[in-house]
C-alpha atoms as a PDB file:
ATOM      1  CA  MET A   1     120.869  97.200 102.691  1.00  0.00           C
ATOM      2  CA  LEU A   2     117.452  95.635 102.524  1.00  0.00           C
ATOM      3  CA  SER A   3     117.969  94.254 106.023  1.00  0.00           C
ATOM      4  CA  TRP A   4     118.684  97.767 107.336  1.00  0.00           C
ATOM      5  CA  ALA A   5     115.494  99.027 105.710  1.00  0.00           C
ATOM      6  CA  LEU A   6     113.567  96.208 107.356  1.00  0.00           C
ATOM      7  CA  ILE A   7     115.113  96.998 110.751  1.00  0.00           C
ATOM      8  CA  PHE A   8     114.156 100.678 110.491  1.00  0.00           C
ATOM      9  CA  PHE A   9     110.645  99.672 109.400  1.00  0.00           C
ATOM     10  CA  VAL A  10     110.237  97.437 112.460  1.00  0.00           C
ATOM     11  CA  VAL A  11     111.551 100.236 114.691  1.00  0.00           C
ATOM     12  CA  ALA A  12     108.997 102.589 113.123  1.00  0.00           C
ATOM     13  CA  ILE A  13     106.152 100.161 113.780  1.00  0.00           C
ATOM     14  CA  ILE A  14     107.191  99.603 117.390  1.00  0.00           C
ATOM     15  CA  ALA A  15     107.614 103.341 117.970  1.00  0.00           C
ATOM     16  CA  ALA A  16     104.179 104.008 116.472  1.00  0.00           C
ATOM     17  CA  VAL A  17     102.567 101.391 118.717  1.00  0.00           C
ATOM     18  CA  PHE A  18     104.080 103.030 121.788  1.00  0.00           C
ATOM     19  CA  GLY A  19     103.083 106.510 120.650  1.00  0.00           C
ATOM     20  CA  PHE A  20     106.429 107.975 119.637  1.00  0.00           C
ATOM     21  CA  GLY A  21     105.272 109.718 116.480  1.00  0.00           C
ATOM     22  CA  GLY A  22     108.481 111.604 115.731  1.00  0.00           C
ATOM     23  CA  VAL A  23     110.681 108.548 116.053  1.00  0.00           C
ATOM     24  CA  ALA A  24     108.230 106.512 113.996  1.00  0.00           C
ATOM     25  CA  ALA A  25     108.162 109.096 111.211  1.00  0.00           C
ATOM     26  CA  ALA A  26     111.945 109.422 111.153  1.00  0.00           C
ATOM     27  CA  SER A  27     112.466 105.657 111.107  1.00  0.00           C
ATOM     28  CA  ALA A  28     109.881 105.193 108.378  1.00  0.00           C
ATOM     29  CA  GLY A  29     111.558 107.892 106.287  1.00  0.00           C
ATOM     30  CA  ILE A  30     114.978 106.295 106.678  1.00  0.00           C
ATOM     31  CA  ALA A  31     113.534 102.879 105.826  1.00  0.00           C
ATOM     32  CA  GLN A  32     111.915 104.295 102.700  1.00  0.00           C
ATOM     33  CA  ILE A  33     115.147 105.954 101.541  1.00  0.00           C
ATOM     34  CA  LEU A  34     117.169 102.779 102.132  1.00  0.00           C
ATOM     35  CA  PHE A  35     114.590 100.704 100.273  1.00  0.00           C
ATOM     36  CA  PHE A  36     114.718 102.939  97.206  1.00  0.00           C
ATOM     37  CA  ILE A  37     118.523 102.944  97.249  1.00  0.00           C
ATOM     38  CA  PHE A  38     118.370  99.142  97.408  1.00  0.00           C
ATOM     39  CA  LEU A  39     115.997  99.062  94.424  1.00  0.00           C
ATOM     40  CA  VAL A  40     118.251 101.316  92.339  1.00  0.00           C
ATOM     41  CA  LEU A  41     121.351  99.272  93.139  1.00  0.00           C
ATOM     42  CA  PHE A  42     119.491  96.037  92.408  1.00  0.00           C
ATOM     43  CA  VAL A  43     118.328  97.240  88.997  1.00  0.00           C
ATOM     44  CA  VAL A  44     121.791  98.553  88.120  1.00  0.00           C
ATOM     45  CA  SER A  45     123.447  95.265  89.089  1.00  0.00           C
ATOM     46  CA  LEU A  46     120.810  93.309  87.167  1.00  0.00           C
ATOM     47  CA  VAL A  47     121.382  95.356  84.017  1.00  0.00           C
ATOM     48  CA  MET A  48     125.161  95.134  84.363  1.00  0.00           C
ATOM     49  CA  GLY A  49     124.955  91.365  84.845  1.00  0.00           C
ATOM     50  CA  LEU A  50     122.826  90.971  81.738  1.00  0.00           C
ATOM     51  CA  ALA A  51     125.168  93.220  79.757  1.00  0.00           C
ATOM     52  CA  ARG A  52     128.190  91.197  80.863  1.00  0.00           C
ATOM     53  CA  ARG A  53     126.493  87.922  79.969  1.00  0.00           C
ATOM     54  CA  ARG A  54     125.632  89.038  76.428  1.00  0.00           C
ATOM     55  CA  GLY A  55     129.116  90.315  75.673  1.00  0.00           C
ATOM     56  CA  PRO A  56     130.191  93.397  73.736  1.00  0.00           C
ATOM     57  CA  LEU A  57     128.157  94.338  70.678  1.00  0.00           C
ATOM     58  CA  ALA A  58     126.085  91.174  70.807  1.00  0.00           C
END
């Protein structure tokens, strides 16, 4: 998911350089949404991994 966010970010930069403001804004928005989804999933998996390692009621 992080790779998709990076791809959309690169597309936004290239579109901005060539003057396509609408495409750049849309790509940047999609990249931002994907990045935050990635962060949420990363934190959830980190917490679940720590909880599994400690065991129940430990």
